[in-house]
N, C-alpha and C. Protein backbone atom coordinates (compact mmCIF):
# COMPACT_ATOMS: atom_id res chain seq x y z
N MET A 1 0.84 -1.13 0.02
CA MET A 1 -0.06 -0.12 0.00
C MET A 1 0.85 1.15 0.03
N ASN A 2 0.78 2.27 -0.84
CA ASN A 2 1.55 3.36 -0.88
C ASN A 2 1.24 4.29 0.26
N ARG A 3 2.03 5.25 0.43
CA ARG A 3 2.15 6.15 1.52
C ARG A 3 0.65 6.95 1.62
N ALA A 4 0.19 7.39 0.48
CA ALA A 4 -0.91 8.23 0.44
C ALA A 4 -2.17 7.48 0.86
N TRP A 5 -2.18 6.20 0.51
CA TRP A 5 -3.50 5.36 0.94
C TRP A 5 -3.21 5.00 2.35
N PHE A 6 -2.11 4.85 2.91
CA PHE A 6 -1.93 4.66 4.30
C PHE A 6 -2.34 5.73 5.01
N LEU A 7 -2.02 7.03 4.76
CA LEU A 7 -2.51 8.28 5.40
C LEU A 7 -4.17 8.38 5.33
N VAL A 8 -4.60 7.84 4.29
CA VAL A 8 -6.06 8.05 4.17
C VAL A 8 -6.66 6.95 5.37
N VAL A 9 -6.17 5.79 5.52
CA VAL A 9 -6.60 4.84 6.36
C VAL A 9 -6.24 5.38 7.77
N MET A 10 -5.07 5.76 8.04
CA MET A 10 -4.82 6.29 9.35
C MET A 10 -5.70 7.43 9.81
N GLY A 11 -5.97 8.39 8.91
CA GLY A 11 -6.96 9.41 9.13
C GLY A 11 -8.39 9.00 9.44
N ALA A 12 -8.63 8.04 8.74
CA ALA A 12 -10.04 7.26 9.04
C ALA A 12 -10.20 6.73 10.37
N VAL A 13 -9.03 6.07 10.71
CA VAL A 13 -8.94 5.36 12.11
C VAL A 13 -9.06 6.59 13.20
N LEU A 14 -8.42 7.79 12.91
CA LEU A 14 -8.50 8.79 13.81
C LEU A 14 -9.84 9.31 13.68
N GLU A 15 -10.48 9.44 12.60
CA GLU A 15 -11.86 9.94 12.40
C GLU A 15 -12.90 9.16 13.15
N VAL A 16 -12.57 7.85 13.54
CA VAL A 16 -13.49 6.97 14.27
C VAL A 16 -13.40 7.57 15.69
N GLY A 17 -12.21 7.87 16.15
CA GLY A 17 -12.09 8.45 17.36
C GLY A 17 -12.74 9.70 17.73
N TRP A 18 -12.50 10.71 16.85
CA TRP A 18 -13.12 12.01 17.13
C TRP A 18 -14.61 12.02 16.90
N VAL A 19 -15.14 11.27 16.08
CA VAL A 19 -16.54 11.18 15.78
C VAL A 19 -17.33 10.58 17.13
N THR A 20 -16.66 9.44 17.62
CA THR A 20 -16.99 8.90 18.84
C THR A 20 -16.90 9.68 20.09
N GLY A 21 -15.74 10.50 20.08
CA GLY A 21 -15.59 11.61 21.01
C GLY A 21 -16.67 12.59 21.12
N LEU A 22 -17.32 12.93 19.96
CA LEU A 22 -18.27 14.05 19.91
C LEU A 22 -19.63 13.60 20.76
N LYS A 23 -19.74 12.16 20.87
CA LYS A 23 -20.97 11.75 21.60
C LYS A 23 -20.54 11.21 23.00
N HIS A 24 -19.29 10.91 23.17
CA HIS A 24 -19.06 10.57 24.63
C HIS A 24 -18.13 11.41 25.37
N SER A 25 -17.75 12.45 24.98
CA SER A 25 -16.91 13.41 25.70
C SER A 25 -17.80 14.13 26.91
N TYR A 26 -17.27 14.33 27.93
CA TYR A 26 -17.81 14.86 29.06
C TYR A 26 -17.04 15.76 29.98
N ASP A 27 -15.68 16.06 29.74
CA ASP A 27 -15.01 16.98 30.45
C ASP A 27 -13.94 17.54 29.56
N ILE A 28 -13.08 18.30 29.99
CA ILE A 28 -12.20 19.20 29.26
C ILE A 28 -11.14 18.31 28.75
N LEU A 29 -10.71 17.21 29.46
CA LEU A 29 -9.76 16.20 28.92
C LEU A 29 -10.27 15.55 27.70
N THR A 30 -11.47 14.95 27.92
CA THR A 30 -11.95 14.13 26.71
C THR A 30 -12.36 14.98 25.66
N TRP A 31 -12.69 16.24 25.77
CA TRP A 31 -13.12 17.24 24.63
C TRP A 31 -11.72 17.51 23.97
N GLY A 32 -10.71 17.76 24.83
CA GLY A 32 -9.28 18.15 24.22
C GLY A 32 -8.71 17.01 23.30
N GLY A 33 -9.10 15.77 23.94
CA GLY A 33 -8.62 14.61 23.00
C GLY A 33 -9.33 14.48 21.63
N THR A 34 -10.61 14.76 21.69
CA THR A 34 -11.48 14.69 20.50
C THR A 34 -11.01 15.73 19.59
N ILE A 35 -10.70 17.03 20.00
CA ILE A 35 -10.22 17.93 19.02
C ILE A 35 -8.97 17.79 18.54
N ILE A 36 -8.01 17.11 19.13
CA ILE A 36 -6.56 16.67 18.88
C ILE A 36 -6.98 15.68 17.73
N LEU A 37 -7.81 14.69 17.92
CA LEU A 37 -8.08 13.65 16.99
C LEU A 37 -8.61 14.24 15.75
N LEU A 38 -9.49 15.14 15.85
CA LEU A 38 -10.13 15.84 14.65
C LEU A 38 -8.94 16.40 13.83
N ILE A 39 -8.17 17.21 14.50
CA ILE A 39 -7.10 17.96 13.79
C ILE A 39 -6.17 16.95 13.06
N ALA A 40 -5.82 16.10 13.77
CA ALA A 40 -4.67 14.99 13.28
C ALA A 40 -5.34 14.11 12.03
N SER A 41 -6.60 13.76 12.17
CA SER A 41 -7.44 13.24 11.18
C SER A 41 -7.42 13.90 9.85
N PHE A 42 -7.73 15.21 10.01
CA PHE A 42 -7.81 16.17 8.91
C PHE A 42 -6.32 16.53 8.29
N VAL A 43 -5.46 16.51 9.03
CA VAL A 43 -3.97 16.69 8.68
C VAL A 43 -3.44 15.53 7.79
N LEU A 44 -3.76 14.37 8.31
CA LEU A 44 -3.34 13.06 7.40
C LEU A 44 -4.09 13.07 6.21
N PHE A 45 -5.34 13.40 6.20
CA PHE A 45 -6.22 13.41 4.94
C PHE A 45 -5.65 14.39 4.02
N THR A 46 -5.34 15.60 4.53
CA THR A 46 -4.76 16.65 3.61
C THR A 46 -3.48 16.21 2.98
N LYS A 47 -2.61 15.79 3.74
CA LYS A 47 -1.41 15.15 3.16
C LYS A 47 -1.57 13.90 2.07
N ALA A 48 -2.67 13.29 2.35
CA ALA A 48 -2.81 12.15 1.40
C ALA A 48 -3.28 12.57 0.04
N THR A 49 -4.06 13.81 0.03
CA THR A 49 -4.65 14.31 -1.17
C THR A 49 -3.46 14.81 -2.11
N ALA A 50 -2.35 14.92 -1.42
CA ALA A 50 -1.17 15.48 -2.43
C ALA A 50 -0.98 14.25 -3.59
N GLY A 51 -1.19 13.01 -3.12
CA GLY A 51 -0.86 12.08 -4.13
C GLY A 51 -2.22 11.22 -4.58
N LEU A 52 -3.37 11.70 -4.24
CA LEU A 52 -4.55 10.88 -4.61
C LEU A 52 -5.56 11.97 -5.08
N PRO A 53 -6.48 11.43 -5.96
CA PRO A 53 -7.50 12.45 -6.36
C PRO A 53 -8.48 12.72 -5.08
N VAL A 54 -8.66 13.94 -4.92
CA VAL A 54 -9.43 14.47 -3.65
C VAL A 54 -10.89 13.58 -3.59
N GLY A 55 -11.56 13.52 -4.65
CA GLY A 55 -12.84 12.87 -4.53
C GLY A 55 -12.82 11.51 -4.12
N THR A 56 -12.00 10.61 -4.66
CA THR A 56 -11.86 9.32 -4.29
C THR A 56 -11.29 9.09 -2.87
N ALA A 57 -10.20 10.08 -2.48
CA ALA A 57 -9.69 9.90 -1.11
C ALA A 57 -10.57 10.11 -0.19
N TYR A 58 -11.44 11.22 -0.35
CA TYR A 58 -12.56 11.64 0.60
C TYR A 58 -13.65 10.54 0.74
N ALA A 59 -13.95 9.90 -0.38
CA ALA A 59 -15.00 8.82 -0.44
C ALA A 59 -14.33 7.74 0.46
N VAL A 60 -13.18 7.44 0.15
CA VAL A 60 -12.62 6.28 1.03
C VAL A 60 -12.52 6.68 2.56
N PHE A 61 -12.05 7.92 2.78
CA PHE A 61 -11.88 8.34 4.09
C PHE A 61 -13.07 8.32 4.95
N THR A 62 -14.30 8.95 4.40
CA THR A 62 -15.46 8.91 5.13
C THR A 62 -16.18 7.66 5.14
N GLY A 63 -16.03 6.89 4.06
CA GLY A 63 -16.63 5.44 4.23
C GLY A 63 -15.97 4.53 5.12
N LEU A 64 -14.55 4.53 5.35
CA LEU A 64 -14.04 3.82 6.40
C LEU A 64 -14.31 4.34 7.67
N GLY A 65 -14.30 5.67 7.92
CA GLY A 65 -14.62 6.42 9.13
C GLY A 65 -16.28 5.87 9.59
N THR A 66 -17.06 6.04 8.59
CA THR A 66 -18.40 5.70 8.86
C THR A 66 -18.57 4.23 9.30
N ALA A 67 -17.90 3.34 8.58
CA ALA A 67 -17.97 2.06 9.09
C ALA A 67 -17.44 1.55 10.28
N GLY A 68 -16.22 2.27 10.44
CA GLY A 68 -15.48 2.10 11.77
C GLY A 68 -16.36 2.60 12.94
N THR A 69 -16.88 3.68 12.81
CA THR A 69 -17.77 4.30 13.87
C THR A 69 -18.86 3.37 14.13
N VAL A 70 -19.63 2.90 13.29
CA VAL A 70 -20.79 1.95 13.36
C VAL A 70 -20.35 0.76 14.21
N LEU A 71 -19.25 0.17 13.69
CA LEU A 71 -18.85 -1.12 14.42
C LEU A 71 -18.28 -0.85 15.81
N LEU A 72 -17.67 0.19 15.98
CA LEU A 72 -17.16 0.54 17.42
C LEU A 72 -18.36 0.84 18.34
N GLU A 73 -19.28 1.61 17.89
CA GLU A 73 -20.52 1.73 18.72
C GLU A 73 -21.25 0.43 18.95
N ILE A 74 -21.19 -0.52 18.01
CA ILE A 74 -21.88 -1.73 18.31
C ILE A 74 -20.98 -2.71 19.28
N VAL A 75 -19.66 -2.74 19.10
CA VAL A 75 -18.91 -3.59 19.99
C VAL A 75 -18.59 -2.86 21.32
N ALA A 76 -18.25 -1.61 21.33
CA ALA A 76 -17.89 -0.93 22.72
C ALA A 76 -18.87 -0.43 23.44
N PHE A 77 -19.87 0.26 22.80
CA PHE A 77 -20.83 0.87 23.31
C PHE A 77 -22.23 0.47 23.51
N GLY A 78 -22.59 -0.79 23.11
CA GLY A 78 -23.81 -1.49 23.37
C GLY A 78 -24.86 -0.86 22.29
N GLU A 79 -24.39 -0.41 21.25
CA GLU A 79 -25.44 -0.04 20.18
C GLU A 79 -26.15 -1.37 19.63
N PRO A 80 -27.29 -1.25 19.47
CA PRO A 80 -28.08 -2.60 19.08
C PRO A 80 -27.64 -3.12 17.66
N PHE A 81 -27.31 -4.41 17.67
CA PHE A 81 -26.93 -5.14 16.51
C PHE A 81 -28.10 -5.36 15.67
N LYS A 82 -27.90 -4.95 14.34
CA LYS A 82 -29.10 -5.09 13.32
C LYS A 82 -28.48 -5.56 11.99
N PRO A 83 -28.90 -6.80 11.72
CA PRO A 83 -28.09 -7.49 10.49
C PRO A 83 -28.22 -6.52 9.12
N MET A 84 -29.23 -5.73 9.05
CA MET A 84 -29.36 -4.77 7.85
C MET A 84 -28.18 -3.67 7.93
N LYS A 85 -27.88 -3.39 9.16
CA LYS A 85 -26.93 -2.39 9.37
C LYS A 85 -25.73 -2.83 8.91
N ILE A 86 -25.25 -4.15 9.26
CA ILE A 86 -24.07 -4.93 8.85
C ILE A 86 -23.96 -5.02 7.28
N ILE A 87 -24.97 -5.42 6.77
CA ILE A 87 -25.08 -5.66 5.18
C ILE A 87 -24.87 -4.23 4.58
N LEU A 88 -25.53 -3.25 5.05
CA LEU A 88 -25.32 -1.83 4.34
C LEU A 88 -23.81 -1.34 4.63
N ILE A 89 -23.16 -1.75 5.79
CA ILE A 89 -21.81 -1.47 5.99
C ILE A 89 -20.84 -2.14 5.03
N LEU A 90 -21.23 -3.51 4.84
CA LEU A 90 -20.54 -4.26 3.81
C LEU A 90 -20.55 -3.75 2.38
N VAL A 91 -21.83 -3.21 2.05
CA VAL A 91 -22.06 -2.61 0.68
C VAL A 91 -21.20 -1.46 0.62
N LEU A 92 -20.96 -0.46 1.64
CA LEU A 92 -20.30 0.58 1.54
C LEU A 92 -18.85 0.27 1.55
N LEU A 93 -18.49 -0.69 2.39
CA LEU A 93 -16.81 -0.99 2.29
C LEU A 93 -16.53 -1.61 0.89
N THR A 94 -17.55 -2.16 0.31
CA THR A 94 -17.36 -2.77 -1.25
C THR A 94 -17.02 -1.65 -2.13
N GLY A 95 -17.88 -0.69 -2.01
CA GLY A 95 -17.63 0.59 -2.82
C GLY A 95 -16.36 1.19 -2.54
N VAL A 96 -15.94 1.39 -1.33
CA VAL A 96 -14.59 2.04 -1.00
C VAL A 96 -13.57 1.13 -1.47
N ILE A 97 -13.60 -0.16 -1.44
CA ILE A 97 -12.41 -0.98 -1.77
C ILE A 97 -12.61 -0.77 -3.50
N GLY A 98 -13.73 -0.77 -3.97
CA GLY A 98 -13.76 -0.64 -5.49
C GLY A 98 -13.10 0.58 -6.07
N LEU A 99 -13.42 1.81 -5.25
CA LEU A 99 -12.88 3.01 -5.66
C LEU A 99 -11.41 2.98 -5.64
N LYS A 100 -10.98 2.34 -4.45
CA LYS A 100 -9.23 2.27 -4.30
C LYS A 100 -8.82 1.51 -5.70
N LEU A 101 -9.36 0.34 -5.87
CA LEU A 101 -8.91 -0.51 -6.89
C LEU A 101 -8.85 0.09 -8.32
N VAL A 102 -9.78 1.11 -8.63
CA VAL A 102 -9.92 1.66 -9.94
C VAL A 102 -9.18 3.08 -9.94
N THR A 103 -8.73 3.46 -8.82
CA THR A 103 -8.05 4.73 -8.97
C THR A 103 -6.60 4.48 -9.16
N GLY A 104 -6.17 5.04 -10.33
CA GLY A 104 -4.65 4.87 -10.74
C GLY A 104 -3.87 6.05 -10.15
N LYS A 105 -2.71 5.94 -10.51
CA LYS A 105 -1.75 7.00 -9.98
C LYS A 105 -1.88 8.24 -10.80
N PRO A 106 -2.10 9.43 -10.20
CA PRO A 106 -2.48 10.50 -11.05
C PRO A 106 -1.19 10.90 -11.89
N GLU A 107 -1.64 11.50 -13.05
CA GLU A 107 -0.25 11.95 -13.87
C GLU A 107 -0.09 13.49 -13.42
N ARG A 108 1.09 13.66 -13.36
CA ARG A 108 1.47 14.96 -12.85
C ARG A 108 1.83 15.60 -14.20
N GLU A 109 1.34 16.94 -14.43
CA GLU A 109 1.80 17.81 -15.44
C GLU A 109 3.04 18.47 -15.11
N GLU A 110 3.98 18.48 -16.12
CA GLU A 110 5.27 19.16 -16.06
C GLU A 110 5.05 20.67 -16.26
N VAL A 111 5.43 21.61 -15.45
CA VAL A 111 5.41 22.95 -15.68
C VAL A 111 6.73 23.56 -16.32
N ALA A 112 6.58 24.29 -17.49
CA ALA A 112 7.88 24.64 -18.24
C ALA A 112 8.51 25.96 -17.34
N ALA A 113 9.56 25.84 -17.14
CA ALA A 113 10.02 27.09 -16.51
C ALA A 113 10.49 28.19 -17.30
C-alpha cells in the first residue's frame, strides 16, 4: 500500500476516534482529546490528497470512518446489532474498496520554467 493510501486509512481510524468523542466526551480532557484527533485526522487526509484524487480519497476516508464508527458503537458501546446495518456497511466497504482499486496513479503535469 503506498504512503497516500496509508495516510487515508490512518486518518479514517482517527476519524472514528473523534466522531465517537463527539458523543461520549464529558469533560475538558475528553473534549481536548476529541479536538486533537479531529485535527490530526484532517492533517493526515490533507497530506494524502497530495498524491490521490481528492474525490476518491474523501469517499474512502469517510466510508472507512463511517463503517468504523458504526462497528465501534456496536462492539464497545452497546449499540443494538441489526443485520441490515451490517449488510449496508459491507455494501459501503465494497464501494470503498472498488474506488481504491480503480484509482490509478495521477499523472503530474510538467510545468515549463
